[in-house]
């Protein structure tokens, strides 16, 4: 049974009933840079709620009308993308600053949500931390630069950070960084990024999920990074997995 949290009057004059389920929905959306209606439906089906696609979309549009969510149909996507406004973040007590999805990164960011769903299905007892949550906790400010919790230092300066796409913490408190490789990177750049995880004592392993056409390049980079890791007596810290978007989610 849903509990009504408050009634909200929108500019059109209609009253909307904000429920505890809506607050739960806002809290989940706030973990990401933007989500689709289909991703929301899948998330709440996983939680034992079985909303239809039509019900989910209607509820999201209601949250847009109440001013807690913003939306746009971004270039290159048929589905609309939804994200929290400042009011939505304040209501759901989500840290950080509000902002629209990054046009250059939103295909990648939406695919990371599918990857997170896949990881949770495989390892439901792990604690999952998103990039947005990592940035809210680990980004240095102009006054101080504390030791990173989930990010890794780049070595550029004391405040340089690299933020994983996801971090999963297992039952033994080991942190697994997860990176989704959707676009081709030069191999030396990949190796440099992987070595950041090799040198980070608070990251136990890093898993690189590569789209099929990028798999060979990522595997070769991982082989070089692991060679260095073994020489440093840290074992093989880099693993590579294939990510097939046709089977597992967003491209």
Protein backbone atom coordinates (compact mmCIF):
# COMPACT_ATOMS: atom_id res chain seq x y z
CA UNK A 1 0.00 0.00 0.00
CA UNK A 2 1.36 3.39 -1.02
CA UNK A 3 1.42 6.20 1.52
CA UNK A 4 0.79 9.76 0.32
CA UNK A 5 3.73 11.94 1.33
CA UNK A 6 2.21 15.25 0.25
CA UNK A 7 0.01 16.91 -2.33
CA UNK A 8 1.75 19.17 -4.81
CA UNK A 9 -0.01 21.90 -6.80
CA UNK A 10 1.50 22.39 -10.24
CA UNK A 11 1.17 25.55 -12.38
CA UNK A 12 -1.77 24.09 -14.30
CA UNK A 13 -3.70 24.05 -11.01
CA UNK A 14 -3.97 20.28 -10.71
CA UNK A 15 -3.03 18.60 -7.44
CA UNK A 16 -0.66 15.64 -7.68
CA UNK A 17 -0.34 13.11 -4.89
CA UNK A 18 3.31 12.41 -4.09
CA UNK A 19 3.62 8.92 -2.58
CA UNK A 20 6.34 7.06 -0.73
CA UNK A 21 6.85 4.99 -3.89
CA UNK A 22 7.56 8.24 -5.76
CA UNK A 23 10.22 9.16 -3.19
CA UNK A 24 11.76 5.70 -3.61
CA UNK A 25 11.74 6.27 -7.37
CA UNK A 26 13.38 9.70 -7.04
CA UNK A 27 16.08 8.24 -4.79
CA UNK A 28 16.94 5.60 -7.39
CA UNK A 29 16.95 8.05 -10.31
CA UNK A 30 19.27 10.28 -8.26
CA UNK A 31 21.97 7.60 -8.36
CA UNK A 32 22.39 8.15 -12.09
CA UNK A 33 22.93 10.96 -14.60
CA UNK A 34 19.71 10.04 -16.41
CA UNK A 35 17.44 7.02 -16.86
CA UNK A 36 14.87 5.75 -19.34
CA UNK A 37 11.32 4.71 -18.51
CA UNK A 38 12.19 1.10 -19.46
CA UNK A 39 15.08 1.08 -16.98
CA UNK A 40 12.80 2.36 -14.22
CA UNK A 41 10.25 -0.36 -14.99
CA UNK A 42 12.93 -3.07 -14.87
CA UNK A 43 14.37 -1.77 -11.58
CA UNK A 44 11.03 -1.82 -9.79
CA UNK A 45 10.07 -5.20 -11.21
CA UNK A 46 13.29 -6.46 -9.60
CA UNK A 47 12.05 -5.04 -6.30
CA UNK A 48 8.82 -7.03 -6.52
CA UNK A 49 6.74 -4.19 -7.95
CA UNK A 50 5.29 -4.91 -11.38
CA UNK A 51 4.33 -1.64 -13.05
CA UNK A 52 3.45 -1.65 -16.72
CA UNK A 53 5.50 0.51 -19.08
CA UNK A 54 2.50 2.82 -19.40
CA UNK A 55 2.12 3.23 -15.63
CA UNK A 56 5.84 3.95 -15.21
CA UNK A 57 5.85 6.56 -17.97
CA UNK A 58 2.72 8.23 -16.59
CA UNK A 59 4.26 8.40 -13.12
CA UNK A 60 7.47 9.89 -14.47
CA UNK A 61 5.48 12.52 -16.34
CA UNK A 62 3.68 13.31 -13.08
CA UNK A 63 7.02 13.85 -11.33
CA UNK A 64 8.01 16.14 -14.20
CA UNK A 65 4.79 18.13 -13.69
CA UNK A 66 5.53 18.42 -9.96
CA UNK A 67 8.99 19.80 -10.72
CA UNK A 68 11.00 16.94 -9.22
CA UNK A 69 12.18 15.44 -12.52
CA UNK A 70 13.25 16.93 -15.84
CA UNK A 71 13.16 15.16 -19.19
CA UNK A 72 14.26 15.43 -22.80
CA UNK A 73 14.45 13.31 -25.91
CA UNK A 74 18.15 13.45 -26.61
CA UNK A 75 19.66 13.23 -30.06
CA UNK A 76 20.15 9.69 -31.30
CA UNK A 77 17.68 8.10 -28.84
CA UNK A 78 14.05 7.17 -29.37
CA UNK A 79 13.34 6.92 -25.64
CA UNK A 80 13.08 9.98 -23.40
CA UNK A 81 15.64 10.39 -20.63
CA UNK A 82 14.68 11.54 -17.10
CA UNK A 83 16.83 13.10 -14.37
CA UNK A 84 16.35 14.88 -11.04
CA UNK A 85 15.93 18.63 -10.63
CA UNK A 86 17.28 20.44 -7.58
CA UNK A 87 13.87 20.06 -5.91
CA UNK A 88 13.92 16.32 -6.61
CA UNK A 89 17.40 15.96 -5.17
CA UNK A 90 16.45 17.89 -2.04
CA UNK A 91 13.29 15.83 -1.53
CA UNK A 92 15.13 12.51 -1.96
CA UNK A 93 18.17 13.75 0.01
CA UNK A 94 20.53 13.02 -2.89
CA UNK A 95 23.97 14.68 -2.49
CA UNK A 96 25.72 16.57 -5.25
CA UNK A 97 24.62 19.14 -7.80
CA UNK A 98 21.73 18.76 -10.27
CA UNK A 99 22.47 18.73 -13.96
CA UNK A 100 21.24 17.45 -17.30
CA UNK A 101 22.87 14.36 -18.86
CA UNK A 102 26.16 14.97 -20.64
CA UNK A 103 25.40 14.88 -24.37
CA UNK A 104 28.76 13.26 -25.14
CA UNK A 105 28.41 10.58 -22.47
CA UNK A 106 24.71 9.73 -22.18
CA UNK A 107 24.83 6.62 -24.41
CA UNK A 108 27.63 5.30 -22.18
CA UNK A 109 25.88 6.40 -18.96
CA UNK A 110 22.64 4.63 -19.89
CA UNK A 111 24.56 1.47 -20.80
CA UNK A 112 26.25 1.56 -17.37
CA UNK A 113 22.80 1.27 -15.74
CA UNK A 114 22.26 -1.96 -17.68
CA UNK A 115 25.68 -3.16 -16.57
CA UNK A 116 24.78 -2.38 -12.94
CA UNK A 117 21.59 -4.41 -13.30
CA UNK A 118 23.63 -7.33 -14.68
CA UNK A 119 26.15 -7.15 -11.81
CA UNK A 120 23.39 -7.06 -9.18
CA UNK A 121 21.70 -10.08 -10.77
CA UNK A 122 24.97 -12.03 -10.61
CA UNK A 123 26.05 -10.82 -7.14
CA UNK A 124 22.95 -9.60 -5.27
CA UNK A 125 24.72 -9.38 -1.91
CA UNK A 126 27.38 -6.92 -3.08
CA UNK A 127 27.03 -3.22 -2.28
CA UNK A 128 26.96 -1.24 -5.53
CA UNK A 129 28.22 2.36 -5.70
CA UNK A 130 27.57 4.47 -8.81
CA UNK A 131 29.89 7.01 -10.42
CA UNK A 132 27.63 9.85 -9.35
CA UNK A 133 27.78 8.65 -5.74
CA UNK A 134 31.56 8.23 -5.99
CA UNK A 135 31.97 11.78 -7.31
CA UNK A 136 29.74 13.21 -4.58
CA UNK A 137 31.93 11.56 -1.94
CA UNK A 138 35.42 11.73 -3.44
CA UNK A 139 35.67 14.93 -5.48
CA UNK A 140 38.22 17.26 -3.81
CA UNK A 141 37.15 20.85 -3.17
CA UNK A 142 39.18 24.04 -3.19
CA UNK A 143 40.00 23.69 0.51
CA UNK A 144 41.00 20.07 0.98
CA UNK A 145 41.79 16.81 -0.78
CA UNK A 146 41.08 13.76 1.39
CA UNK A 147 42.09 10.21 0.56
CA UNK A 148 39.73 8.71 -2.04
CA UNK A 149 37.20 6.11 -0.94
CA UNK A 150 36.33 4.59 -4.31
CA UNK A 151 38.09 6.75 -6.91
CA UNK A 152 41.81 6.44 -7.69
CA UNK A 153 44.42 9.18 -7.79
CA UNK A 154 45.88 10.01 -11.18
CA UNK A 155 49.23 11.29 -9.93
CA UNK A 156 48.78 14.59 -11.80
CA UNK A 157 48.44 16.42 -8.49
CA UNK A 158 47.01 15.74 -5.05
CA UNK A 159 43.47 16.39 -6.31
CA UNK A 160 43.66 14.34 -9.51
CA UNK A 161 41.02 11.60 -9.57
CA UNK A 162 39.72 8.88 -11.86
CA UNK A 163 36.18 7.79 -11.13
CA UNK A 164 35.12 4.20 -11.96
CA UNK A 165 31.80 3.66 -13.73
CA UNK A 166 30.76 1.44 -10.80
CA UNK A 167 32.25 -0.08 -7.66
CA UNK A 168 30.95 -3.28 -6.07
CA UNK A 169 31.98 -4.17 -2.51
CA UNK A 170 31.75 -7.87 -1.71
CA UNK A 171 31.15 -9.69 1.58
CA UNK A 172 34.88 -9.63 2.34
CA UNK A 173 34.96 -5.81 1.96
CA UNK A 174 36.92 -6.08 -1.27
CA UNK A 175 36.23 -3.27 -3.74
CA UNK A 176 35.77 -4.25 -7.39
CA UNK A 177 35.94 -1.35 -9.83
CA UNK A 178 33.91 -1.84 -13.02
CA UNK A 179 34.59 0.03 -16.26
CA UNK A 180 32.45 -0.20 -19.41
CA UNK A 181 34.43 0.25 -22.63
CA UNK A 182 31.99 1.37 -25.28
CA UNK A 183 34.32 3.35 -27.57
CA UNK A 184 37.81 2.57 -28.77
CA UNK A 185 40.74 4.02 -26.80
CA UNK A 186 44.42 3.89 -27.77
CA UNK A 187 46.04 0.94 -26.01
CA UNK A 188 48.66 3.05 -24.14
CA UNK A 189 45.83 5.11 -22.66
CA UNK A 190 43.98 1.98 -21.57
CA UNK A 191 47.13 0.60 -19.95
CA UNK A 192 47.71 3.87 -18.05
CA UNK A 193 44.14 3.79 -16.75
CA UNK A 194 44.44 0.15 -15.72
CA UNK A 195 47.70 0.82 -13.88
CA UNK A 196 45.89 3.37 -11.72
CA UNK A 197 43.84 0.47 -10.33
CA UNK A 198 46.93 -1.73 -10.05
CA UNK A 199 48.58 0.93 -7.86
CA UNK A 200 45.45 1.66 -5.78
CA UNK A 201 45.62 -0.32 -2.54
CA UNK A 202 41.93 0.29 -1.74
CA UNK A 203 40.80 -1.31 -5.03
CA UNK A 204 41.16 -5.10 -4.97
CA UNK A 205 40.30 -5.77 -8.62
CA UNK A 206 39.17 -3.90 -11.73
CA UNK A 207 36.85 -5.50 -14.29
CA UNK A 208 36.75 -4.05 -17.79
CA UNK A 209 33.54 -4.84 -19.71
CA UNK A 210 34.25 -4.41 -23.42
CA UNK A 211 31.85 -4.25 -26.34
CA UNK A 212 32.60 -7.21 -28.67
CA UNK A 213 34.41 -5.18 -31.34
CA UNK A 214 36.72 -3.70 -28.66
CA UNK A 215 37.46 -6.92 -26.78
CA UNK A 216 40.84 -7.76 -28.35
CA UNK A 217 42.27 -4.28 -27.76
CA UNK A 218 41.13 -4.26 -24.11
CA UNK A 219 42.44 -7.79 -23.49
CA UNK A 220 45.86 -6.85 -24.86
CA UNK A 221 45.98 -3.77 -22.65
CA UNK A 222 44.98 -5.85 -19.62
CA UNK A 223 47.74 -8.35 -20.37
CA UNK A 224 50.32 -5.56 -20.22
CA UNK A 225 48.84 -4.06 -17.05
CA UNK A 226 48.71 -7.45 -15.33
CA UNK A 227 52.34 -8.11 -16.25
CA UNK A 228 53.30 -4.99 -14.32
CA UNK A 229 50.93 -5.94 -11.49
CA UNK A 230 52.58 -9.35 -11.11
CA UNK A 231 56.05 -7.76 -11.13
CA UNK A 232 54.88 -5.57 -8.23
CA UNK A 233 53.75 -8.71 -6.35
CA UNK A 234 50.10 -7.63 -6.52
CA UNK A 235 48.84 -10.52 -8.62
CA UNK A 236 46.58 -10.05 -11.62
CA UNK A 237 44.24 -7.20 -10.67
CA UNK A 238 42.69 -6.56 -14.10
CA UNK A 239 39.99 -8.80 -15.59
CA UNK A 240 38.20 -8.43 -18.93
CA UNK A 241 34.66 -9.49 -19.77
CA UNK A 242 32.68 -9.13 -22.98
CA UNK A 243 29.59 -6.91 -22.89
CA UNK A 244 27.03 -7.81 -25.55
CA UNK A 245 24.48 -4.97 -25.74
CA UNK A 246 22.10 -6.92 -27.97
CA UNK A 247 21.73 -9.50 -25.19
CA UNK A 248 22.34 -7.44 -22.08
CA UNK A 249 21.08 -3.91 -22.60
CA UNK A 250 21.60 -0.48 -24.07
CA UNK A 251 23.96 0.19 -26.91
